[in-house]
Amino acid sequence: MSFASYKRFEQQHEIAFSSLIKIAIALDFENDFDKLFATPHFSTIEELIASEKN
């Protein structure tokens, strides 16, 4: 990842997804991406409704 990309990320909060992955790997956080894209599973309609209220 270039220094310019890192600087843009810090200053403008913009980053290419590939660069974000590289940072996550370097910091040993690549498994945390699973949590971002996980599909929630509900057992009942009440659980779904309750989650939407939060």
N, C-alpha and C. Protein backbone atom coordinates (compact mmCIF):
# COMPACT_ATOMS: atom_id res chain seq x y z
N MET A 1 0.85 -1.17 0.00
CA MET A 1 0.00 0.00 0.00
C MET A 1 0.90 1.23 0.00
N SER A 2 0.58 2.16 -0.84
CA SER A 2 1.42 3.35 -0.95
C SER A 2 1.19 4.31 0.21
N PHE A 3 2.18 5.14 0.45
CA PHE A 3 2.06 6.15 1.50
C PHE A 3 0.93 7.13 1.17
N ALA A 4 0.78 7.46 -0.11
CA ALA A 4 -0.29 8.38 -0.52
C ALA A 4 -1.67 7.81 -0.19
N SER A 5 -1.84 6.50 -0.39
CA SER A 5 -3.12 5.86 -0.07
C SER A 5 -3.38 5.91 1.43
N TYR A 6 -2.35 5.64 2.20
CA TYR A 6 -2.47 5.69 3.65
C TYR A 6 -2.83 7.11 4.12
N LYS A 7 -2.17 8.10 3.54
CA LYS A 7 -2.42 9.49 3.91
C LYS A 7 -3.86 9.90 3.55
N ARG A 8 -4.34 9.48 2.36
CA ARG A 8 -5.71 9.78 1.96
C ARG A 8 -6.71 9.14 2.90
N PHE A 9 -6.40 7.92 3.34
CA PHE A 9 -7.27 7.22 4.28
C PHE A 9 -7.36 7.99 5.60
N GLU A 10 -6.23 8.46 6.10
CA GLU A 10 -6.23 9.20 7.36
C GLU A 10 -6.93 10.56 7.23
N GLN A 11 -6.69 11.26 6.15
CA GLN A 11 -7.20 12.62 6.02
C GLN A 11 -8.62 12.70 5.46
N GLN A 12 -8.94 11.86 4.49
CA GLN A 12 -10.23 11.96 3.80
C GLN A 12 -11.15 10.78 4.07
N HIS A 13 -10.64 9.81 4.83
CA HIS A 13 -11.42 8.62 5.18
C HIS A 13 -11.86 7.86 3.94
N GLU A 14 -11.00 7.83 2.92
CA GLU A 14 -11.26 7.10 1.68
C GLU A 14 -10.15 6.07 1.50
N ILE A 15 -10.56 4.85 1.11
CA ILE A 15 -9.57 3.80 0.90
C ILE A 15 -10.14 2.76 -0.06
N ALA A 16 -9.28 2.22 -0.89
CA ALA A 16 -9.69 1.13 -1.76
C ALA A 16 -9.88 -0.12 -0.90
N PHE A 17 -10.85 -0.92 -1.28
CA PHE A 17 -11.13 -2.12 -0.49
C PHE A 17 -9.90 -3.02 -0.41
N SER A 18 -9.16 -3.13 -1.49
CA SER A 18 -7.96 -3.97 -1.48
C SER A 18 -6.93 -3.46 -0.47
N SER A 19 -6.82 -2.15 -0.34
CA SER A 19 -5.90 -1.58 0.64
C SER A 19 -6.39 -1.82 2.06
N LEU A 20 -7.70 -1.74 2.25
CA LEU A 20 -8.26 -2.01 3.57
C LEU A 20 -8.00 -3.46 3.98
N ILE A 21 -8.10 -4.37 3.03
CA ILE A 21 -7.81 -5.78 3.30
C ILE A 21 -6.34 -5.95 3.68
N LYS A 22 -5.45 -5.26 2.99
CA LYS A 22 -4.03 -5.36 3.30
C LYS A 22 -3.74 -4.88 4.71
N ILE A 23 -4.38 -3.79 5.13
CA ILE A 23 -4.20 -3.29 6.50
C ILE A 23 -4.74 -4.31 7.50
N ALA A 24 -5.91 -4.86 7.22
CA ALA A 24 -6.50 -5.85 8.12
C ALA A 24 -5.60 -7.07 8.27
N ILE A 25 -5.01 -7.52 7.17
CA ILE A 25 -4.11 -8.67 7.23
C ILE A 25 -2.87 -8.34 8.05
N ALA A 26 -2.32 -7.15 7.83
CA ALA A 26 -1.12 -6.74 8.56
C ALA A 26 -1.38 -6.65 10.06
N LEU A 27 -2.60 -6.26 10.43
CA LEU A 27 -2.95 -6.12 11.85
C LEU A 27 -3.63 -7.37 12.41
N ASP A 28 -3.71 -8.42 11.59
CA ASP A 28 -4.32 -9.69 11.99
C ASP A 28 -5.80 -9.54 12.35
N PHE A 29 -6.52 -8.76 11.53
CA PHE A 29 -7.96 -8.56 11.72
C PHE A 29 -8.78 -9.01 10.52
N GLU A 30 -8.18 -9.78 9.61
CA GLU A 30 -8.91 -10.15 8.40
C GLU A 30 -10.14 -10.99 8.68
N ASN A 31 -10.17 -11.74 9.76
CA ASN A 31 -11.35 -12.54 10.09
C ASN A 31 -12.53 -11.69 10.55
N ASP A 32 -12.29 -10.46 10.95
CA ASP A 32 -13.37 -9.58 11.39
C ASP A 32 -14.28 -9.14 10.25
N PHE A 33 -13.83 -9.29 9.01
CA PHE A 33 -14.69 -8.93 7.87
C PHE A 33 -15.91 -9.84 7.78
N ASP A 34 -15.78 -11.04 8.30
CA ASP A 34 -16.93 -11.95 8.32
C ASP A 34 -18.10 -11.34 9.09
N LYS A 35 -17.80 -10.63 10.15
CA LYS A 35 -18.85 -10.01 10.97
C LYS A 35 -19.56 -8.88 10.21
N LEU A 36 -18.84 -8.18 9.37
CA LEU A 36 -19.44 -7.08 8.61
C LEU A 36 -20.47 -7.56 7.60
N PHE A 37 -20.21 -8.72 7.02
CA PHE A 37 -21.06 -9.20 5.94
C PHE A 37 -21.90 -10.41 6.33
N ALA A 38 -21.99 -10.68 7.61
CA ALA A 38 -22.76 -11.83 8.08
C ALA A 38 -24.26 -11.57 7.91
N THR A 39 -24.95 -12.58 7.49
CA THR A 39 -26.40 -12.50 7.35
C THR A 39 -27.03 -12.94 8.67
N PRO A 40 -27.83 -12.08 9.27
CA PRO A 40 -28.46 -12.47 10.54
C PRO A 40 -29.51 -13.55 10.30
N HIS A 41 -29.62 -14.45 11.24
CA HIS A 41 -30.61 -15.51 11.16
C HIS A 41 -31.57 -15.36 12.33
N PHE A 42 -32.83 -15.44 12.05
CA PHE A 42 -33.85 -15.28 13.07
C PHE A 42 -34.66 -16.57 13.17
N SER A 43 -34.99 -16.93 14.39
CA SER A 43 -35.80 -18.13 14.63
C SER A 43 -37.28 -17.83 14.54
N THR A 44 -37.64 -16.60 14.89
CA THR A 44 -39.06 -16.23 14.88
C THR A 44 -39.23 -14.86 14.25
N ILE A 45 -40.43 -14.55 13.85
CA ILE A 45 -40.74 -13.23 13.30
C ILE A 45 -40.57 -12.15 14.38
N GLU A 46 -40.80 -12.52 15.62
CA GLU A 46 -40.63 -11.57 16.72
C GLU A 46 -39.17 -11.13 16.85
N GLU A 47 -38.24 -12.06 16.65
CA GLU A 47 -36.82 -11.71 16.69
C GLU A 47 -36.47 -10.73 15.58
N LEU A 48 -37.02 -10.94 14.42
CA LEU A 48 -36.78 -10.04 13.28
C LEU A 48 -37.32 -8.64 13.58
N ILE A 49 -38.54 -8.57 14.07
CA ILE A 49 -39.16 -7.28 14.40
C ILE A 49 -38.37 -6.56 15.48
N ALA A 50 -37.96 -7.29 16.50
CA ALA A 50 -37.18 -6.70 17.59
C ALA A 50 -35.85 -6.16 17.08
N SER A 51 -35.21 -6.86 16.15
CA SER A 51 -33.93 -6.39 15.64
C SER A 51 -34.07 -5.13 14.81
N GLU A 52 -35.19 -4.99 14.11
CA GLU A 52 -35.41 -3.79 13.30
C GLU A 52 -35.70 -2.57 14.17
N LYS A 53 -36.24 -2.78 15.35
CA LYS A 53 -36.52 -1.67 16.26
C LYS A 53 -35.24 -1.11 16.84
N ASN A 54 -34.22 -1.96 16.94
CA ASN A 54 -32.93 -1.53 17.49
C ASN A 54 -32.16 -0.87 16.38
